[in-house]
């Protein structure tokens, strides 16, 4: 797959996994938003948090030794810690559909969540809330999800290590891999501190720009030759996402697939898992294929899907221009297509 936008359509989608639906809510006022990944029949869940500044909810229940085996949705949201409220809206919508863990007197929808920090983009007082999460679930389907400046990727930016003024537009992307009738897909909201690379060529596709704003500086090489980064506030970045498969897997295997999925982030983002990123990946196993290919193959597929979805996030992104307002500064974030 080349880095040209012409190759975008060939990457597949997480919704090619049987039993998975995706819906976005995008608030264009700032912009920001959230993305719901639904497994209404329930899915074995796992998670791996690698960034040092995460914003998460209900991740402990996904530990392999803990009681609950299956969850019903994952919520990804902008808005930093405020965005975690979107999961409450997802719970309400799922409860209305009769989806959740049966507790005899009702059902409890289990909705782990992770957020990214996009509040430097526009008016920070606008962020996803419970109603946004509800709306994302209402919009969910098994169709190909929109990508780029939508949902949890609406306010995302990449390449901020030398300041947001030299950054570029991030976004949300999806991809999938199918082998012998079993599919592994991923959806990634990329708001990375580092650059995004093409995972097959290591070419920088989007990230920190040169001082004149017209080219890519290549953050890794700039740091190694001694260019100092701008002082950073912890947690002001983060790439979050979901891996899903219709293979039959255990909870421990879901946790392992979430772990190896981070290999895909490492192929597509540099630097990654920094002290200022809260990089978090979930894994859902619907079991709808009725069999497994073995962990060696599934792990390879998971890392590949994550890497390609991260690439798609920036290839689908559009430039963003925000004029100065009472509570925010003017900001211009070009997209990958602008620098080709």
Protein backbone atom coordinates (compact mmCIF):
# COMPACT_ATOMS: atom_id res chain seq x y z
CA UNK A 1 0.00 0.00 0.00
CA UNK A 2 1.49 3.34 -0.98
CA UNK A 3 1.20 6.56 1.01
CA UNK A 4 -0.92 8.16 -1.71
CA UNK A 5 -4.52 9.04 -0.80
CA UNK A 6 -5.51 7.07 -3.91
CA UNK A 7 -4.84 3.86 -1.96
CA UNK A 8 -7.09 4.78 0.97
CA UNK A 9 -10.09 2.63 0.00
CA UNK A 10 -8.18 -0.65 0.07
CA UNK A 11 -7.50 -0.82 3.82
CA UNK A 12 -10.74 -2.47 4.96
CA UNK A 13 -12.59 -1.69 8.18
CA UNK A 14 -13.15 -2.92 11.74
CA UNK A 15 -16.82 -3.38 10.80
CA UNK A 16 -15.79 -6.27 8.56
CA UNK A 17 -15.45 -8.19 11.84
CA UNK A 18 -18.69 -10.08 12.42
CA UNK A 19 -20.62 -8.63 15.36
CA UNK A 20 -18.99 -5.17 15.38
CA UNK A 21 -20.72 -1.85 14.67
CA UNK A 22 -19.27 1.68 14.75
CA UNK A 23 -20.91 5.07 15.16
CA UNK A 24 -19.52 8.60 15.41
CA UNK A 25 -20.74 11.81 16.98
CA UNK A 26 -18.93 14.93 15.75
CA UNK A 27 -19.35 18.35 17.33
CA UNK A 28 -18.27 20.78 14.62
CA UNK A 29 -18.32 23.81 16.93
CA UNK A 30 -14.78 23.11 18.21
CA UNK A 31 -14.35 20.43 16.69
CA UNK A 32 -14.40 17.34 18.93
CA UNK A 33 -16.39 14.13 19.19
CA UNK A 34 -16.62 10.51 20.19
CA UNK A 35 -16.76 7.08 18.55
CA UNK A 36 -18.72 4.07 19.81
CA UNK A 37 -17.57 0.55 18.92
CA UNK A 38 -20.47 -1.77 19.69
CA UNK A 39 -20.58 -5.53 20.27
CA UNK A 40 -24.22 -5.82 21.26
CA UNK A 41 -24.08 -9.61 21.58
CA UNK A 42 -21.10 -9.23 23.91
CA UNK A 43 -17.40 -9.69 23.21
CA UNK A 44 -14.46 -11.00 25.19
CA UNK A 45 -12.40 -7.95 26.14
CA UNK A 46 -8.78 -7.01 26.75
CA UNK A 47 -6.77 -3.81 27.09
CA UNK A 48 -3.17 -2.62 27.17
CA UNK A 49 -2.22 0.90 28.30
CA UNK A 50 1.29 1.86 27.18
CA UNK A 51 1.28 5.65 27.34
CA UNK A 52 2.31 7.29 30.61
CA UNK A 53 -0.61 9.74 30.78
CA UNK A 54 -3.82 7.78 30.08
CA UNK A 55 -7.44 8.79 30.53
CA UNK A 56 -9.51 5.61 30.90
CA UNK A 57 -12.63 4.08 32.42
CA UNK A 58 -13.46 0.46 33.37
CA UNK A 59 -10.10 -0.92 32.24
CA UNK A 60 -9.58 -2.98 35.43
CA UNK A 61 -12.52 -5.25 34.65
CA UNK A 62 -10.70 -6.33 31.46
CA UNK A 63 -7.77 -7.85 33.37
CA UNK A 64 -7.63 -11.59 32.57
CA UNK A 65 -7.98 -12.58 36.25
CA UNK A 66 -11.06 -10.45 36.91
CA UNK A 67 -14.62 -11.77 36.86
CA UNK A 68 -16.35 -10.19 33.86
CA UNK A 69 -15.66 -12.01 30.59
CA UNK A 70 -17.60 -9.95 28.04
CA UNK A 71 -18.24 -6.28 27.39
CA UNK A 72 -20.78 -4.61 25.11
CA UNK A 73 -19.05 -1.51 23.73
CA UNK A 74 -15.91 0.59 23.82
CA UNK A 75 -16.12 4.37 23.80
CA UNK A 76 -13.32 6.50 22.33
CA UNK A 77 -13.64 10.24 22.88
CA UNK A 78 -11.99 13.61 22.68
CA UNK A 79 -12.32 16.16 25.44
CA UNK A 80 -9.64 14.80 27.78
CA UNK A 81 -11.00 13.51 31.11
CA UNK A 82 -14.35 15.25 30.53
CA UNK A 83 -14.90 13.03 27.50
CA UNK A 84 -15.18 9.93 29.68
CA UNK A 85 -18.75 11.02 30.32
CA UNK A 86 -19.60 9.84 26.79
CA UNK A 87 -19.52 6.26 28.07
CA UNK A 88 -22.47 7.01 30.34
CA UNK A 89 -24.53 7.89 27.28
CA UNK A 90 -23.52 4.63 25.64
CA UNK A 91 -24.66 2.74 28.75
CA UNK A 92 -28.03 4.44 28.62
CA UNK A 93 -28.54 3.65 24.93
CA UNK A 94 -27.50 0.01 25.34
CA UNK A 95 -29.76 -0.42 28.36
CA UNK A 96 -32.68 0.86 26.29
CA UNK A 97 -31.87 -1.85 23.72
CA UNK A 98 -31.87 -4.55 26.41
CA UNK A 99 -28.12 -5.06 26.08
CA UNK A 100 -25.92 -5.77 29.10
CA UNK A 101 -24.85 -8.16 31.81
CA UNK A 102 -27.90 -9.91 33.26
CA UNK A 103 -28.12 -9.16 36.98
CA UNK A 104 -31.68 -10.61 37.41
CA UNK A 105 -33.24 -7.20 38.11
CA UNK A 106 -31.96 -5.69 34.89
CA UNK A 107 -28.94 -5.50 32.63
CA UNK A 108 -25.73 -3.54 33.09
CA UNK A 109 -24.04 -2.53 29.83
CA UNK A 110 -20.26 -2.73 30.26
CA UNK A 111 -18.54 0.10 28.37
CA UNK A 112 -14.81 0.64 28.93
CA UNK A 113 -13.55 3.92 27.51
CA UNK A 114 -10.46 5.96 26.71
CA UNK A 115 -10.03 9.63 25.87
CA UNK A 116 -7.54 11.78 24.04
CA UNK A 117 -6.52 15.38 24.74
CA UNK A 118 -7.83 17.66 22.00
CA UNK A 119 -8.71 20.72 24.07
CA UNK A 120 -5.95 22.88 22.55
CA UNK A 121 -8.01 22.86 19.36
CA UNK A 122 -10.76 25.48 19.69
CA UNK A 123 -12.92 26.27 22.73
CA UNK A 124 -12.08 23.71 25.41
CA UNK A 125 -15.48 24.24 27.09
CA UNK A 126 -17.03 22.22 24.24
CA UNK A 127 -16.40 18.50 24.80
CA UNK A 128 -18.20 15.18 24.38
CA UNK A 129 -20.78 14.40 27.06
CA UNK A 130 -23.28 11.63 27.77
CA UNK A 131 -25.62 12.87 25.06
CA UNK A 132 -22.75 12.72 22.55
CA UNK A 133 -22.08 9.11 23.52
CA UNK A 134 -25.77 8.27 23.15
CA UNK A 135 -25.83 9.87 19.69
CA UNK A 136 -22.74 7.92 18.60
CA UNK A 137 -24.49 4.67 19.52
CA UNK A 138 -27.64 5.74 17.67
CA UNK A 139 -25.51 6.26 14.56
CA UNK A 140 -23.72 2.90 14.81
CA UNK A 141 -23.93 0.35 11.99
CA UNK A 142 -21.87 -2.32 10.29
CA UNK A 143 -21.23 -0.01 7.31
CA UNK A 144 -17.78 1.36 6.53
CA UNK A 145 -17.20 4.10 9.16
CA UNK A 146 -16.33 7.64 8.16
CA UNK A 147 -12.66 8.46 8.71
CA UNK A 148 -10.49 11.53 9.27
CA UNK A 149 -12.00 14.59 10.98
CA UNK A 150 -14.91 12.77 12.64
CA UNK A 151 -15.80 11.25 15.99
CA UNK A 152 -12.92 10.86 18.41
CA UNK A 153 -10.56 12.09 15.69
CA UNK A 154 -12.37 15.37 15.00
CA UNK A 155 -9.99 17.51 17.06
CA UNK A 156 -6.90 15.29 16.85
CA UNK A 157 -3.49 16.66 15.86
CA UNK A 158 -0.13 14.95 15.32
CA UNK A 159 3.49 16.07 15.47
CA UNK A 160 3.25 18.45 18.45
CA UNK A 161 6.70 17.92 19.92
CA UNK A 162 7.87 21.33 18.69
CA UNK A 163 4.57 23.04 19.51
CA UNK A 164 0.99 22.85 18.28
CA UNK A 165 1.73 25.66 15.80
CA UNK A 166 4.03 23.29 13.85
CA UNK A 167 1.69 20.28 14.11
CA UNK A 168 -0.66 18.75 11.52
CA UNK A 169 -4.19 17.37 11.53
CA UNK A 170 -4.67 13.90 12.95
CA UNK A 171 -7.88 11.91 12.81
CA UNK A 172 -9.49 8.51 13.07
CA UNK A 173 -8.87 5.61 10.71
CA UNK A 174 -9.77 1.98 10.30
CA UNK A 175 -8.33 -1.11 8.59
CA UNK A 176 -8.72 -4.88 8.61
CA UNK A 177 -6.96 -8.07 7.59
CA UNK A 178 -8.69 -11.35 6.68
CA UNK A 179 -6.92 -14.72 6.61
CA UNK A 180 -8.71 -17.98 5.90
CA UNK A 181 -12.13 -16.57 6.76
CA UNK A 182 -11.09 -14.93 10.04
CA UNK A 183 -10.89 -11.14 10.28
CA UNK A 184 -8.97 -8.80 12.58
CA UNK A 185 -9.77 -5.10 12.32
CA UNK A 186 -8.77 -1.93 14.10
CA UNK A 187 -10.01 1.61 14.52
CA UNK A 188 -7.48 4.19 15.72
CA UNK A 189 -7.93 7.80 16.84
CA UNK A 190 -4.49 9.31 16.33
CA UNK A 191 -3.63 12.39 18.38
CA UNK A 192 0.04 11.49 18.74
CA UNK A 193 2.84 13.65 20.04
CA UNK A 194 5.08 12.06 17.40
CA UNK A 195 5.04 11.80 13.63
CA UNK A 196 2.93 9.29 11.70
CA UNK A 197 4.95 7.09 9.35
CA UNK A 198 3.98 4.82 6.51
CA UNK A 199 4.42 1.43 8.22
CA UNK A 200 5.83 -0.25 5.09
CA UNK A 201 8.40 2.40 4.12
CA UNK A 202 9.02 4.36 7.37
CA UNK A 203 8.43 7.55 5.35
CA UNK A 204 7.01 10.39 7.46
CA UNK A 205 3.48 11.09 6.23
CA UNK A 206 2.32 13.70 8.78
CA UNK A 207 3.85 15.27 11.86
CA UNK A 208 6.00 18.13 13.05
CA UNK A 209 6.71 20.69 10.34
CA UNK A 210 9.76 22.80 9.61
CA UNK A 211 9.83 26.33 11.00
CA UNK A 212 8.46 27.75 7.75
CA UNK A 213 5.61 25.25 7.91
CA UNK A 214 6.15 24.00 4.38
CA UNK A 215 7.79 20.63 5.02
CA UNK A 216 8.14 17.76 7.49
CA UNK A 217 11.06 17.97 9.90
CA UNK A 218 11.18 14.22 10.77
CA UNK A 219 10.95 14.40 14.56
CA UNK A 220 13.16 11.38 15.27
CA UNK A 221 16.07 12.74 13.27
CA UNK A 222 15.54 16.27 14.61
CA UNK A 223 15.74 15.07 18.20
CA UNK A 224 18.81 12.94 17.50
CA UNK A 225 20.68 15.87 16.00
CA UNK A 226 19.94 17.96 19.09
CA UNK A 227 16.92 20.12 18.28
CA UNK A 228 15.21 20.61 21.67
CA UNK A 229 11.52 19.76 22.04
CA UNK A 230 9.08 22.31 23.40
CA UNK A 231 8.25 21.80 27.10
CA UNK A 232 5.29 19.45 27.23
CA UNK A 233 2.35 19.03 29.57
CA UNK A 234 1.73 15.37 30.38
CA UNK A 235 -1.34 13.86 28.78
CA UNK A 236 -1.74 16.46 26.04
CA UNK A 237 -1.61 13.88 23.25
CA UNK A 238 -2.58 10.17 23.01
CA UNK A 239 -3.49 7.55 20.41
CA UNK A 240 -6.42 5.36 21.39
CA UNK A 241 -8.14 2.55 19.56
CA UNK A 242 -9.84 -0.81 19.39
CA UNK A 243 -8.76 -4.10 17.83
CA UNK A 244 -11.56 -6.55 17.09
CA UNK A 245 -11.64 -10.08 15.75
CA UNK A 246 -14.31 -12.65 15.00
CA UNK A 247 -11.90 -15.42 15.98
CA UNK A 248 -12.78 -17.47 19.04
CA UNK A 249 -10.39 -16.20 21.73
CA UNK A 250 -10.13 -16.20 25.53
CA UNK A 251 -9.93 -13.15 27.74
CA UNK A 252 -6.21 -13.72 28.25
CA UNK A 253 -5.74 -13.90 24.49
CA UNK A 254 -7.69 -10.67 24.03
CA UNK A 255 -5.32 -9.01 26.47
CA UNK A 256 -2.33 -10.34 24.54
CA UNK A 257 -3.73 -9.09 21.22
CA UNK A 258 -4.15 -5.64 22.75
CA UNK A 259 -0.50 -5.81 23.81
CA UNK A 260 0.89 -6.84 20.43
CA UNK A 261 -1.35 -4.28 18.75
CA UNK A 262 0.99 -1.66 20.17
CA UNK A 263 3.66 -3.07 17.83
CA UNK A 264 1.51 -1.60 15.07
CA UNK A 265 1.56 1.80 16.76
CA UNK A 266 5.35 1.58 17.00
CA UNK A 267 5.56 0.94 13.25
CA UNK A 268 3.35 3.92 12.44
CA UNK A 269 4.24 6.55 15.10
CA UNK A 270 7.63 7.88 16.20
CA UNK A 271 8.14 8.71 19.01
CA UNK A 272 5.34 6.67 20.58
CA UNK A 273 4.33 5.70 24.17
CA UNK A 274 5.90 8.88 25.53
CA UNK A 275 5.45 10.48 28.94
CA UNK A 276 3.01 12.91 27.29
CA UNK A 277 0.90 10.25 25.52
CA UNK A 278 -1.78 8.04 27.05
CA UNK A 279 -1.68 5.40 24.30
CA UNK A 280 -4.34 2.76 24.97
CA UNK A 281 -5.60 -0.15 22.88
CA UNK A 282 -8.61 -2.35 23.60
CA UNK A 283 -9.35 -5.74 22.03
CA UNK A 284 -12.75 -7.30 21.40
CA UNK A 285 -13.30 -10.93 20.40
CA UNK A 286 -16.80 -11.68 19.11
CA UNK A 287 -16.12 -15.37 18.35
CA UNK A 288 -18.54 -15.16 15.41
CA UNK A 289 -16.16 -17.03 13.07
CA UNK A 290 -16.40 -20.02 15.42
CA UNK A 291 -12.69 -20.82 15.29
CA UNK A 292 -9.22 -19.35 15.68
CA UNK A 293 -6.10 -19.22 13.54
CA UNK A 294 -3.76 -19.43 16.54
CA UNK A 295 -2.14 -16.56 18.38
CA UNK A 296 0.91 -16.23 16.12
CA UNK A 297 -1.25 -15.41 13.11
CA UNK A 298 -3.80 -13.34 15.03
CA UNK A 299 -1.04 -11.27 16.64
CA UNK A 300 0.52 -10.56 13.25
CA UNK A 301 -2.88 -9.55 11.89
CA UNK A 302 -3.58 -7.29 14.90
CA UNK A 303 -0.33 -5.35 14.59
CA UNK A 304 -0.85 -4.96 10.85
CA UNK A 305 -4.42 -3.70 11.25
CA UNK A 306 -3.36 -1.17 13.89
CA UNK A 307 -0.48 0.14 11.78
CA UNK A 308 -2.63 0.53 8.68
CA UNK A 309 -5.52 2.12 10.60
CA UNK A 310 -3.12 4.68 12.07
CA UNK A 311 -1.92 5.54 8.57
CA UNK A 312 -5.52 5.84 7.35
CA UNK A 313 -6.27 8.27 10.18
CA UNK A 314 -3.92 10.89 8.76
CA UNK A 315 -4.49 10.09 5.08
CA UNK A 316 -8.21 10.78 5.52
CA UNK A 317 -7.70 13.91 7.61
CA UNK A 318 -8.58 17.31 6.16
CA UNK A 319 -6.88 20.60 7.01
CA UNK A 320 -8.36 22.57 9.89
CA UNK A 321 -8.47 26.34 10.29
CA UNK A 322 -9.74 27.79 13.57
CA UNK A 323 -10.05 31.55 13.95
CA UNK A 324 -9.23 33.21 17.25
CA UNK A 325 -12.09 33.43 19.76
CA UNK A 326 -12.70 34.67 23.27
CA UNK A 327 -11.48 31.41 24.80
CA UNK A 328 -9.02 30.09 22.23
CA UNK A 329 -6.23 31.05 19.87
CA UNK A 330 -6.22 30.88 16.10
CA UNK A 331 -4.82 27.62 14.78
CA UNK A 332 -4.01 26.21 11.35
CA UNK A 333 -3.41 22.46 11.02
CA UNK A 334 -2.58 21.30 7.49
CA UNK A 335 -3.23 17.70 6.48
CA UNK A 336 -1.00 15.09 4.88
CA UNK A 337 -2.33 15.90 1.39
CA UNK A 338 -1.25 19.54 1.79
CA UNK A 339 2.44 18.58 2.07
CA UNK A 340 2.60 15.98 -0.72
